[in-house]
Amino acid sequence: MIYLDHAATTPLDPAVLQAMLPWLQGRFGNPASDHAWGQAARAAVERARSQVAALLGAQPEEIIWTSGATEANNLAIKGALEFRGLRGAHMVTARTEHKSVVDSVRQLESQGLRVTWLKPDAQGLITAEQVLAALTPDTALVSLMWVNNETGGINPVEALAPLLRERGILFHVDAVQAAGKLPIDLSRTPADLLSLSAHKLYGPQGIGALFVRKRPRARLSPQLHGGGHEQGMRSGTLPTHQIAGFGEACRIAGERMAEEGARLSALRDRLQQLLQAALPGLHLNGHPQSRAPGILNLSFEGVEGESLRASLGDLAVSSGSACSSATREPSYVLRALGRDDELAGASLRFSLGRGTTPAEVDQAAARVIGAVGSLRRIAGSGTAALVSPPLNAHGYAAPVWAAFSDPRHAATLPEGAIAASAGSPAGALRLRLQAELDGRRIVRAAWQAYGCPVTLAVGEWLAGWLEGRSAGELQLSAADLRAALEIGDDKAQCALLGEDAVLALERQMSLA
C-alpha cells in the first residue's frame, strides 16, 4: 500500500519512539508528585514544553497540555467565551473550519452566542477584509484555522492577528496543519490562543497542546475540573511518555521544516501535473499558490466518489477530514467552496509526508488515472481500458466485490442491440442494460452504470443473469438481487434500480 493520508495522521518518527520508551519501561512517576520519580517525570514534561514552545516562538509557560487538538479547540473557544460570558457575545469563524471548531461553536450558538459564519472564496480562503467587516462592538472572539485540513489553503493569520489585537479581540488559531510545516513565530504574530496536535507531525496520538498567551493574558474557563493541573486550565494526570514524544517531534519538525517543505511541494506539484496531463475534467480544490506543502485536493468529473475510493484500495487517501469521513456525506468544506454534492463526493485529498518518495507519487498517479478511466468507461463517458480494483479495503460483501472487481460485461453492444435504462436522480444512480437477441432469447448482455460499487455490482450480476433468458423468463425482484449479492438495507436502492432496469428491458423486448 502507498500511504498518502498524512493530514489524517502521520507515522511515529523512530526518534520520537526512543524519547517515549524510557517512560514506558520503568520510569513511571507522576509528574505531579514531589518524590524523585515524580521530579524526573516533571523534568521530562517541562523539557517537552520548552520544545513545543520553541517550534512556535512562544514561552514554555504558555503551553497547556491537552489530549489533542479537538480538546484544545474546545478549551480555547468554550473557555474564552464562557470566561467572558455568553450574554450578548458575538464571534466570527468560517464554514470551512475543522469539525471540532464547528461543533463547539454550534453548541455555544444553541446557548445564545451570536455567530458570523464566513464563506470562503472560490479557492477556499478567508480574507482579512472579510473578518474585519464581520466584527461588531460585541465581538469577543475570532477563530480561524491557519491551514485548511482538506485543501491545504493558508489563511492570512499573520496579517489578521495584529489587526485584531488593535481592536482588543481574542484570536484563536487552529494550527494543526501548520505547525511543523510552516514557520510560526508567536512573538511576532500576536494570536492569543493556538491549537496543535502531536500526531500530525510524527508524534504520538492522544496528545496535543493549546498555546495561551500570557501578555496580554488570554483568560479561559476550564472545561475539565479535578486537581488544578496545567495552571488550573486543564486538570488530569499528565501522560509523560506522550508528552516527551510530542516535544521530540516538535524539535525534529523545527530542524527539518525548510528542507522537507521544499521537497513535499515539489512532489505535490509532480502528482498534480501527472494527473492533469492524463485526466480531463479535473478540478483543484484550494488555492494554487497559497497552500501548505503536502496537501493536494482534486475533484474528478464523471465518476462516483464511493466507487472511486473503492477502486483505490491499495492507496491510502482521504475524501475529507478523517474526523468527518464516517458520515459518508460529501465534504462540507468542498461544498462551501461551491462544489455540488456529486463533484464534492468525487474528490480525493492526497497528503504527502516524510516517507513519500517520487516512485510512490508516480505509482499513485498511475493508480488514480487507471481507476478514473475505468469508471468513466463503465459510465459510458470514456474509452480507457477496464482496471480491476486490487483490494476490498472497505469491507464490501463478497458477492458485491466479486462482481464490482471483475466487470467483464461492462461494454457497449453493437448497433441493433436493445437497451433500457433506470435511474434515481436523487441518488445519482444510473443503470443501462443492453441485450443482443437471437429470436426471443438474449445471447449476449452488457451494462453501463454510474453509481456506488453496489450499483456497479448489480449491473455486472444482471448482465450475466440475463444471458440465455427469453422475455418470459425475466421475473426478478429487488429482494432476489439483495439475496444474491448480500445487499444490506443501506443499499436497498441499488437493488430497486436493478429491478427497474430489468422491467424496462423486458418491455423493450416485448416491442422488438
Protein backbone atom coordinates (compact mmCIF):
# COMPACT_ATOMS: atom_id res chain seq x y z
CA MET A 1 0.00 0.00 0.00
CA ILE A 2 1.01 3.61 -0.58
CA TYR A 3 0.22 5.93 2.31
CA LEU A 4 -0.82 9.42 1.20
CA ASP A 5 -3.00 10.42 4.15
CA HIS A 6 -0.54 12.27 6.38
CA ALA A 7 -3.06 15.05 7.03
CA ALA A 8 -5.14 12.44 8.90
CA THR A 9 -2.24 11.07 10.91
CA THR A 10 1.48 10.59 10.50
CA PRO A 11 3.64 7.59 11.41
CA LEU A 12 5.62 7.82 14.62
CA ASP A 13 9.14 9.04 13.97
CA PRO A 14 11.70 6.47 15.27
CA ALA A 15 13.45 9.16 17.31
CA VAL A 16 10.12 10.08 18.89
CA LEU A 17 9.61 6.46 19.91
CA GLN A 18 13.04 6.41 21.53
CA ALA A 19 12.15 9.53 23.52
CA MET A 20 8.97 7.84 24.75
CA LEU A 21 10.35 4.41 25.66
CA PRO A 22 12.00 5.29 28.99
CA TRP A 23 8.63 6.46 30.30
CA LEU A 24 7.01 3.19 29.20
CA GLN A 25 9.73 0.89 30.55
CA GLY A 26 10.19 1.58 34.23
CA ARG A 27 10.23 5.37 34.61
CA PHE A 28 6.66 5.69 35.75
CA GLY A 29 6.48 8.62 38.20
CA ASN A 30 3.53 11.00 38.25
CA PRO A 31 4.76 14.49 37.21
CA ALA A 32 2.60 16.00 39.97
CA SER A 33 4.38 14.01 42.73
CA ASP A 34 7.17 15.52 44.83
CA HIS A 35 9.41 12.45 45.20
CA ALA A 36 12.33 11.61 42.92
CA TRP A 37 10.27 9.61 40.43
CA GLY A 38 7.79 12.44 40.09
CA GLN A 39 10.53 15.06 39.78
CA ALA A 40 12.16 13.12 36.94
CA ALA A 41 8.85 12.86 35.11
CA ARG A 42 8.16 16.55 35.69
CA ALA A 43 11.59 17.43 34.24
CA ALA A 44 10.74 15.46 31.08
CA VAL A 45 7.38 17.22 30.83
CA GLU A 46 8.96 20.65 31.17
CA ARG A 47 11.69 19.83 28.65
CA ALA A 48 8.98 18.87 26.15
CA ARG A 49 7.04 22.03 26.98
CA SER A 50 10.12 24.04 26.02
CA GLN A 51 10.49 22.08 22.77
CA VAL A 52 6.89 22.73 21.75
CA ALA A 53 7.21 26.40 22.67
CA ALA A 54 10.42 26.70 20.61
CA LEU A 55 8.62 25.46 17.48
CA LEU A 56 6.00 28.21 17.94
CA GLY A 57 8.18 31.11 19.09
CA ALA A 58 6.35 31.03 22.43
CA GLN A 59 7.29 30.84 26.09
CA PRO A 60 7.16 27.41 27.82
CA GLU A 61 4.64 28.61 30.41
CA GLU A 62 2.25 29.45 27.54
CA ILE A 63 1.90 25.77 26.55
CA ILE A 64 -1.02 23.86 28.10
CA TRP A 65 -1.19 20.10 27.51
CA THR A 66 -4.42 18.57 26.18
CA SER A 67 -5.46 15.18 24.82
CA GLY A 68 -5.30 16.51 21.26
CA ALA A 69 -6.38 19.37 19.04
CA THR A 70 -10.08 18.60 19.48
CA GLU A 71 -9.80 19.24 23.20
CA ALA A 72 -7.54 22.24 22.60
CA ASN A 73 -10.10 23.79 20.24
CA ASN A 74 -12.92 23.14 22.71
CA LEU A 75 -10.93 24.62 25.59
CA ALA A 76 -9.98 27.70 23.57
CA ILE A 77 -13.43 28.50 22.22
CA LYS A 78 -15.67 27.44 25.08
CA GLY A 79 -13.17 28.53 27.71
CA ALA A 80 -12.71 32.03 26.27
CA LEU A 81 -16.40 32.69 25.71
CA GLU A 82 -17.55 31.20 29.00
CA PHE A 83 -15.00 33.31 30.86
CA ARG A 84 -16.28 36.42 29.10
CA GLY A 85 -19.93 35.38 29.47
CA LEU A 86 -22.19 34.34 26.61
CA ARG A 87 -24.77 37.07 27.18
CA GLY A 88 -24.51 39.49 24.29
CA ALA A 89 -21.34 37.84 22.97
CA HIS A 90 -20.53 37.58 19.27
CA MET A 91 -17.82 35.61 17.48
CA VAL A 92 -16.57 35.19 13.94
CA THR A 93 -15.47 31.93 12.35
CA ALA A 94 -15.59 30.19 8.97
CA ARG A 95 -17.76 27.50 7.47
CA THR A 96 -14.61 25.59 6.50
CA GLU A 97 -13.17 25.13 9.99
CA HIS A 98 -12.44 21.68 11.42
CA LYS A 99 -15.40 19.84 12.91
CA SER A 100 -14.06 20.32 16.42
CA VAL A 101 -14.36 24.08 15.93
CA VAL A 102 -17.64 24.00 14.00
CA ASP A 103 -19.38 21.74 16.51
CA SER A 104 -18.04 23.66 19.52
CA VAL A 105 -19.35 26.90 18.07
CA ARG A 106 -22.71 25.30 17.19
CA GLN A 107 -23.02 24.16 20.80
CA LEU A 108 -22.47 27.68 22.10
CA GLU A 109 -24.74 29.09 19.40
CA SER A 110 -27.55 26.93 20.78
CA GLN A 111 -26.95 28.64 24.13
CA GLY A 112 -27.33 32.15 22.74
CA LEU A 113 -23.95 33.01 21.22
CA ARG A 114 -24.27 35.14 18.09
CA VAL A 115 -22.02 33.83 15.31
CA THR A 116 -21.00 35.14 11.91
CA TRP A 117 -20.09 32.21 9.67
CA LEU A 118 -17.78 33.40 6.91
CA LYS A 119 -17.92 31.79 3.48
CA PRO A 120 -14.57 31.26 1.75
CA ASP A 121 -13.83 32.46 -1.73
CA ALA A 122 -13.84 30.03 -4.66
CA GLN A 123 -10.29 28.96 -3.76
CA GLY A 124 -11.16 28.21 -0.16
CA LEU A 125 -9.56 31.16 1.61
CA ILE A 126 -10.91 33.67 4.12
CA THR A 127 -9.59 37.20 3.68
CA ALA A 128 -8.63 39.58 6.46
CA GLU A 129 -11.11 42.07 5.00
CA GLN A 130 -13.94 39.56 5.43
CA VAL A 131 -13.11 39.09 9.08
CA LEU A 132 -12.83 42.80 9.79
CA ALA A 133 -16.13 43.51 8.02
CA ALA A 134 -17.87 40.93 10.23
CA LEU A 135 -16.74 42.45 13.53
CA THR A 136 -19.24 44.15 15.82
CA PRO A 137 -18.82 46.06 19.09
CA ASP A 138 -19.70 42.79 20.89
CA THR A 139 -17.22 40.54 19.05
CA ALA A 140 -15.32 38.64 21.72
CA LEU A 141 -13.50 36.01 19.66
CA VAL A 142 -12.37 35.19 16.14
CA SER A 143 -11.44 31.56 15.38
CA LEU A 144 -9.71 30.79 12.10
CA MET A 145 -7.54 27.89 11.04
CA TRP A 146 -4.05 28.65 9.74
CA VAL A 147 -4.06 25.84 7.14
CA ASN A 148 -7.23 24.15 5.98
CA ASN A 149 -7.04 20.44 6.70
CA GLU A 150 -8.80 19.42 3.46
CA THR A 151 -7.48 21.84 0.83
CA GLY A 152 -4.19 22.95 2.36
CA GLY A 153 -5.14 26.59 1.82
CA ILE A 154 -3.28 29.11 4.00
CA ASN A 155 -5.43 31.78 5.63
CA PRO A 156 -3.94 35.26 6.35
CA VAL A 157 -3.33 34.65 10.04
CA GLU A 158 -0.15 36.74 10.21
CA ALA A 159 -1.85 39.75 8.61
CA LEU A 160 -5.03 39.42 10.65
CA ALA A 161 -3.56 38.90 14.13
CA PRO A 162 -2.24 42.47 14.69
CA LEU A 163 -5.48 43.95 13.36
CA LEU A 164 -7.50 42.01 15.92
CA ARG A 165 -5.02 42.87 18.66
CA GLU A 166 -5.53 46.58 17.91
CA ARG A 167 -9.25 46.06 18.43
CA GLY A 168 -8.88 44.08 21.64
CA ILE A 169 -10.49 40.94 20.18
CA LEU A 170 -9.22 37.49 21.14
CA PHE A 171 -7.87 35.49 18.22
CA HIS A 172 -7.84 31.68 18.29
CA VAL A 173 -5.96 29.79 15.57
CA ASP A 174 -6.27 26.09 14.78
CA ALA A 175 -2.69 25.44 13.66
CA VAL A 176 -2.86 21.65 13.47
CA GLN A 177 -1.89 21.50 9.78
CA ALA A 178 0.51 24.45 10.02
CA ALA A 179 2.73 23.51 12.97
CA GLY A 180 5.92 21.89 11.74
CA LYS A 181 5.06 22.68 8.11
CA LEU A 182 5.06 26.48 8.08
CA PRO A 183 7.20 28.89 10.15
CA ILE A 184 5.24 30.08 13.20
CA ASP A 185 6.58 32.84 15.41
CA LEU A 186 4.08 33.88 18.04
CA SER A 187 6.48 36.53 19.31
CA ARG A 188 5.71 38.35 16.05
CA THR A 189 2.20 37.06 15.27
CA PRO A 190 0.00 38.18 18.19
CA ALA A 191 -2.53 35.35 18.20
CA ASP A 192 -3.93 34.74 21.68
CA LEU A 193 -4.77 31.03 21.51
CA LEU A 194 -3.36 28.36 19.19
CA SER A 195 -4.13 24.63 18.97
CA LEU A 196 -1.90 21.82 17.78
CA SER A 197 -1.68 18.04 17.81
CA ALA A 198 1.31 15.70 18.06
CA HIS A 199 0.12 13.02 15.64
CA LYS A 200 0.03 15.45 12.72
CA LEU A 201 3.80 15.97 12.94
CA TYR A 202 5.12 12.43 13.55
CA GLY A 203 4.39 12.37 17.27
CA PRO A 204 2.10 10.05 19.23
CA GLN A 205 -1.67 10.07 19.02
CA GLY A 206 -3.65 11.25 22.04
CA ILE A 207 -1.63 14.33 22.99
CA GLY A 208 -1.99 17.95 21.94
CA ALA A 209 -1.44 21.42 23.27
CA LEU A 210 -3.02 24.84 23.49
CA PHE A 211 -0.91 27.97 23.42
CA VAL A 212 -2.42 30.51 25.85
CA ARG A 213 -0.78 33.93 25.65
CA LYS A 214 0.45 35.40 28.91
CA ARG A 215 0.99 39.03 27.85
CA PRO A 216 -1.63 40.28 27.30
CA ARG A 217 -3.22 37.42 29.16
CA ALA A 218 -5.86 35.28 27.48
CA ARG A 219 -8.25 34.08 30.18
CA LEU A 220 -10.13 30.79 29.97
CA SER A 221 -12.72 28.93 31.99
CA PRO A 222 -11.50 25.33 32.42
CA GLN A 223 -13.52 22.58 30.78
CA LEU A 224 -12.10 19.78 32.98
CA HIS A 225 -12.03 20.04 36.76
CA GLY A 226 -10.26 17.94 39.35
CA GLY A 227 -6.79 18.78 40.57
CA GLY A 228 -5.98 22.14 39.06
CA HIS A 229 -3.22 20.86 36.78
CA GLU A 230 -1.84 22.99 33.94
CA GLN A 231 -2.28 26.31 35.74
CA GLY A 232 -5.86 25.38 36.56
CA MET A 233 -6.86 25.26 32.89
CA ARG A 234 -6.78 21.51 32.29
CA SER A 235 -6.94 19.03 35.15
CA GLY A 236 -5.72 15.45 34.79
CA THR A 237 -2.58 13.40 35.30
CA LEU A 238 -0.12 14.16 32.53
CA PRO A 239 0.95 11.28 30.20
CA THR A 240 4.72 11.70 30.44
CA HIS A 241 5.56 9.31 27.60
CA GLN A 242 3.22 11.05 25.14
CA ILE A 243 4.40 14.50 26.16
CA ALA A 244 8.06 13.50 25.79
CA GLY A 245 7.28 12.19 22.31
CA PHE A 246 5.43 15.37 21.41
CA GLY A 247 8.39 17.50 22.42
CA GLU A 248 10.83 15.44 20.39
CA ALA A 249 8.51 15.55 17.38
CA CYS A 250 8.45 19.35 17.57
CA ARG A 251 12.24 19.51 17.84
CA ILE A 252 12.67 17.37 14.73
CA ALA A 253 9.98 19.27 12.81
CA GLY A 254 11.71 22.57 13.50
CA GLU A 255 15.05 21.25 12.24
CA ARG A 256 13.64 19.72 9.05
CA MET A 257 10.87 22.16 8.18
CA ALA A 258 12.51 24.18 5.39
CA GLU A 259 14.09 21.24 3.58
CA GLU A 260 11.06 19.00 3.94
CA GLY A 261 8.67 21.73 2.86
CA ALA A 262 10.52 22.25 -0.40
CA ARG A 263 10.65 18.51 -1.08
CA LEU A 264 6.94 17.99 -0.42
CA SER A 265 5.95 20.98 -2.53
CA ALA A 266 7.85 19.51 -5.47
CA LEU A 267 6.25 16.08 -5.00
CA ARG A 268 2.77 17.59 -4.64
CA ASP A 269 3.23 19.56 -7.85
CA ARG A 270 4.53 16.46 -9.62
CA LEU A 271 1.43 14.49 -8.61
CA GLN A 272 -0.89 17.27 -9.73
CA GLN A 273 0.87 17.62 -13.09
CA LEU A 274 0.74 13.86 -13.78
CA LEU A 275 -2.98 13.71 -13.07
CA GLN A 276 -3.85 16.86 -15.00
CA ALA A 277 -1.90 15.70 -18.03
CA ALA A 278 -3.78 12.39 -18.22
CA LEU A 279 -7.27 13.24 -16.99
CA PRO A 280 -9.59 15.92 -18.35
CA GLY A 281 -12.34 17.18 -16.07
CA LEU A 282 -10.07 17.67 -13.08
CA HIS A 283 -10.70 20.44 -10.55
CA LEU A 284 -8.22 21.75 -7.97
CA ASN A 285 -9.87 22.40 -4.63
CA GLY A 286 -7.94 25.17 -2.97
CA HIS A 287 -5.56 27.95 -3.86
CA PRO A 288 -2.87 27.15 -6.48
CA GLN A 289 -0.18 29.14 -4.63
CA SER A 290 -1.24 29.90 -1.05
CA ARG A 291 -1.22 26.32 0.23
CA ALA A 292 0.71 24.07 2.55
CA PRO A 293 3.44 21.90 1.03
CA GLY A 294 2.00 18.41 1.31
CA ILE A 295 -1.74 18.65 0.59
CA LEU A 296 -3.44 18.27 -2.80
CA ASN A 297 -7.23 18.07 -3.14
CA LEU A 298 -8.80 17.26 -6.51
CA SER A 299 -12.33 16.59 -7.79
CA PHE A 300 -12.87 14.18 -10.69
CA GLU A 301 -15.73 14.67 -13.13
CA GLY A 302 -17.65 11.67 -14.41
CA VAL A 303 -17.02 9.26 -11.55
CA GLU A 304 -18.96 8.44 -8.40
CA GLY A 305 -17.00 9.03 -5.23
CA GLU A 306 -17.59 5.77 -3.40
CA SER A 307 -16.67 3.72 -6.45
CA LEU A 308 -13.54 5.79 -6.93
CA ARG A 309 -12.40 5.21 -3.36
CA ALA A 310 -13.24 1.50 -3.57
CA SER A 311 -11.13 1.26 -6.73
CA LEU A 312 -8.10 2.59 -4.85
CA GLY A 313 -7.98 0.07 -2.02
CA ASP A 314 -4.18 -0.09 -2.02
CA LEU A 315 -3.83 3.69 -1.94
CA ALA A 316 -4.42 5.38 1.42
CA VAL A 317 -6.00 8.71 0.58
CA SER A 318 -8.90 10.62 2.07
CA SER A 319 -12.18 12.02 0.84
CA GLY A 320 -12.10 14.72 3.52
CA SER A 321 -11.23 15.18 7.14
CA ALA A 322 -10.63 11.92 8.99
CA CYS A 323 -12.93 13.21 11.73
CA SER A 324 -15.79 13.61 9.23
CA SER A 325 -15.34 10.68 6.83
CA ALA A 326 -17.54 8.29 8.82
CA THR A 327 -20.65 10.24 7.77
CA ARG A 328 -20.22 9.26 4.09
CA GLU A 329 -21.51 12.70 3.16
CA PRO A 330 -19.76 14.99 0.69
CA SER A 331 -17.27 17.29 2.37
CA TYR A 332 -18.91 20.38 3.86
CA VAL A 333 -15.62 22.19 3.18
CA LEU A 334 -15.79 21.50 -0.56
CA ARG A 335 -19.49 22.37 -0.67
CA ALA A 336 -18.60 25.70 0.93
CA LEU A 337 -16.19 26.24 -1.99
CA GLY A 338 -19.12 25.83 -4.41
CA ARG A 339 -18.70 22.19 -5.41
CA ASP A 340 -22.01 20.38 -5.87
CA ASP A 341 -22.64 17.16 -3.95
CA GLU A 342 -21.65 14.96 -6.87
CA LEU A 343 -18.31 16.65 -7.51
CA ALA A 344 -17.55 17.08 -3.82
CA GLY A 345 -18.21 13.37 -3.34
CA ALA A 346 -15.80 12.52 -6.16
CA SER A 347 -12.88 14.30 -4.52
CA LEU A 348 -9.65 12.96 -3.09
CA ARG A 349 -7.24 14.56 -0.65
CA PHE A 350 -3.66 13.43 -1.16
CA SER A 351 -1.43 14.39 1.76
CA LEU A 352 2.25 13.59 1.39
CA GLY A 353 4.77 13.12 4.17
CA ARG A 354 8.33 12.45 5.18
CA GLY A 355 8.37 8.93 3.83
CA THR A 356 6.74 9.72 0.48
CA THR A 357 9.03 9.03 -2.48
CA PRO A 358 8.89 10.13 -6.14
CA ALA A 359 8.30 6.50 -7.12
CA GLU A 360 5.25 6.34 -4.83
CA VAL A 361 3.89 9.56 -6.32
CA ASP A 362 4.24 8.11 -9.82
CA GLN A 363 2.59 4.84 -8.78
CA ALA A 364 -0.26 6.68 -7.06
CA ALA A 365 -0.85 8.82 -10.13
CA ALA A 366 -0.96 5.74 -12.36
CA ARG A 367 -3.41 4.03 -9.99
CA VAL A 368 -5.77 7.02 -9.94
CA ILE A 369 -5.56 7.51 -13.70
CA GLY A 370 -6.45 3.86 -14.26
CA ALA A 371 -9.34 3.90 -11.77
CA VAL A 372 -10.87 7.12 -13.11
CA GLY A 373 -10.53 5.97 -16.71
CA SER A 374 -12.12 2.62 -15.91
CA LEU A 375 -15.08 4.16 -14.05
CA ARG A 376 -15.65 6.71 -16.81
CA ARG A 377 -15.77 3.91 -19.36
CA ILE A 378 -18.23 1.97 -17.22
CA ALA A 379 -20.37 5.10 -17.02
CA GLY A 380 -20.28 5.46 -20.82
CA SER A 381 -18.17 8.61 -20.88
CA GLY A 382 -14.71 7.21 -21.56
CA THR A 383 -12.73 4.69 -23.59
CA ALA A 384 -9.92 3.65 -21.22
CA ALA A 385 -9.21 0.02 -20.50
CA LEU A 386 -11.05 -1.54 -17.57
CA VAL A 387 -8.94 -1.89 -14.44
CA SER A 388 -9.72 -4.32 -11.65
CA PRO A 389 -9.57 -2.85 -8.13
CA PRO A 390 -6.76 -4.50 -6.18
CA LEU A 391 -8.16 -4.77 -2.67
CA ASN A 392 -11.52 -4.89 -0.89
CA ALA A 393 -10.36 -2.36 1.69
CA HIS A 394 -13.84 -1.12 2.58
CA GLY A 395 -15.42 -4.44 3.54
CA TYR A 396 -17.99 -4.96 0.79
CA ALA A 397 -19.88 -8.26 0.80
CA ALA A 398 -18.02 -10.97 -1.13
CA PRO A 399 -20.62 -11.26 -3.95
CA VAL A 400 -20.67 -7.50 -4.41
CA TRP A 401 -16.91 -7.30 -4.53
CA ALA A 402 -16.62 -10.23 -6.94
CA ALA A 403 -18.96 -8.51 -9.41
CA PHE A 404 -17.56 -5.00 -8.89
CA SER A 405 -13.93 -6.03 -9.24
CA ASP A 406 -14.42 -8.09 -12.42
CA PRO A 407 -16.71 -6.06 -14.73
CA ARG A 408 -16.41 -8.39 -17.70
CA HIS A 409 -19.86 -7.44 -19.05
CA ALA A 410 -19.28 -3.67 -18.84
CA ALA A 411 -19.44 -2.78 -22.51
CA THR A 412 -21.46 -1.27 -25.34
CA LEU A 413 -23.05 -3.82 -27.67
CA PRO A 414 -23.11 -3.33 -31.46
CA GLU A 415 -25.89 -1.45 -33.21
CA GLY A 416 -29.07 -3.46 -33.23
CA ALA A 417 -29.00 -4.47 -29.58
CA ILE A 418 -31.91 -3.31 -27.48
CA ALA A 419 -31.33 -1.19 -24.41
CA ALA A 420 -33.20 0.00 -21.36
CA SER A 421 -32.26 2.33 -18.54
CA ALA A 422 -33.27 3.07 -14.99
CA GLY A 423 -32.14 5.91 -12.80
CA SER A 424 -32.51 7.63 -9.49
CA PRO A 425 -31.63 11.31 -9.91
CA ALA A 426 -31.85 11.94 -6.17
CA GLY A 427 -29.29 9.23 -5.51
CA ALA A 428 -27.22 9.94 -8.63
CA LEU A 429 -27.61 6.33 -9.76
CA ARG A 430 -27.91 5.23 -13.38
CA LEU A 431 -28.01 1.73 -14.87
CA ARG A 432 -28.29 0.84 -18.55
CA LEU A 433 -28.80 -2.75 -19.69
CA GLN A 434 -28.26 -3.93 -23.25
CA ALA A 435 -29.25 -7.21 -24.85
CA GLU A 436 -28.38 -8.82 -28.18
CA LEU A 437 -31.17 -11.15 -29.27
CA ASP A 438 -31.40 -14.32 -31.25
CA GLY A 439 -35.10 -14.52 -31.85
CA ARG A 440 -36.64 -14.01 -28.40
CA ARG A 441 -33.62 -15.12 -26.43
CA ILE A 442 -30.77 -12.99 -25.07
CA VAL A 443 -27.49 -14.32 -26.38
CA ARG A 444 -25.32 -11.51 -25.04
CA ALA A 445 -25.88 -8.86 -22.40
CA ALA A 446 -23.91 -5.83 -21.33
CA TRP A 447 -24.28 -2.90 -18.96
CA GLN A 448 -23.12 0.61 -18.15
CA ALA A 449 -23.66 2.37 -14.85
CA TYR A 450 -22.85 5.38 -12.76
CA GLY A 451 -23.05 4.81 -9.03
CA CYS A 452 -21.55 3.17 -5.99
CA PRO A 453 -19.81 -0.23 -6.08
CA VAL A 454 -23.09 -1.98 -5.24
CA THR A 455 -24.78 -0.33 -8.21
CA LEU A 456 -21.98 -1.47 -10.49
CA ALA A 457 -22.11 -4.96 -8.99
CA VAL A 458 -25.85 -5.11 -9.70
CA GLY A 459 -25.14 -4.25 -13.35
CA GLU A 460 -22.48 -6.92 -13.68
CA TRP A 461 -24.55 -9.61 -11.95
CA LEU A 462 -27.64 -8.81 -14.02
CA ALA A 463 -25.77 -8.98 -17.33
CA GLY A 464 -24.56 -12.49 -16.51
CA TRP A 465 -28.05 -13.48 -15.30
CA LEU A 466 -29.74 -12.18 -18.45
CA GLU A 467 -27.73 -14.19 -20.94
CA GLY A 468 -29.63 -17.20 -22.24
CA ARG A 469 -33.04 -15.99 -20.98
CA SER A 470 -36.11 -15.10 -23.00
CA ALA A 471 -38.55 -12.26 -22.34
CA GLY A 472 -40.84 -14.54 -20.37
CA GLU A 473 -38.04 -15.52 -18.02
CA LEU A 474 -37.12 -12.08 -16.73
CA GLN A 475 -39.01 -12.17 -13.46
CA LEU A 476 -36.58 -10.79 -10.91
CA SER A 477 -37.34 -8.76 -7.81
CA ALA A 478 -35.22 -6.41 -5.75
CA ALA A 479 -35.40 -8.98 -2.96
CA ASP A 480 -33.84 -11.57 -5.30
CA LEU A 481 -31.00 -9.20 -6.08
CA ARG A 482 -30.43 -8.40 -2.43
CA ALA A 483 -30.23 -12.08 -1.58
CA ALA A 484 -27.89 -12.91 -4.46
CA LEU A 485 -25.46 -10.08 -3.73
CA GLU A 486 -25.96 -9.85 0.05
CA ILE A 487 -27.05 -6.23 -0.21
CA GLY A 488 -27.85 -4.56 3.11
CA ASP A 489 -30.63 -2.15 3.94
CA ASP A 490 -28.38 0.87 3.42
CA LYS A 491 -28.00 -0.04 -0.27
CA ALA A 492 -31.51 -1.33 -0.96
CA GLN A 493 -31.98 1.40 -3.56
CA CYS A 494 -29.34 -0.28 -5.74
CA ALA A 495 -31.40 -3.47 -5.87
CA LEU A 496 -34.53 -1.48 -6.72
CA LEU A 497 -32.60 0.18 -9.53
CA GLY A 498 -31.72 -3.25 -10.90
CA GLU A 499 -35.32 -4.41 -10.70
CA ASP A 500 -36.45 -1.30 -12.60
CA ALA A 501 -33.81 -1.84 -15.29
CA VAL A 502 -34.89 -5.47 -15.84
CA LEU A 503 -38.56 -4.45 -16.12
CA ALA A 504 -37.64 -1.75 -18.62
CA LEU A 505 -35.62 -4.24 -20.67
CA GLU A 506 -38.49 -6.71 -20.62
CA ARG A 507 -40.77 -4.02 -22.05
CA GLN A 508 -38.28 -3.26 -24.79
CA MET A 509 -38.03 -6.96 -25.67
CA SER A 510 -41.81 -7.24 -25.95
CA LEU A 511 -41.74 -4.43 -28.52
CA ALA A 512 -38.82 -5.81 -30.51
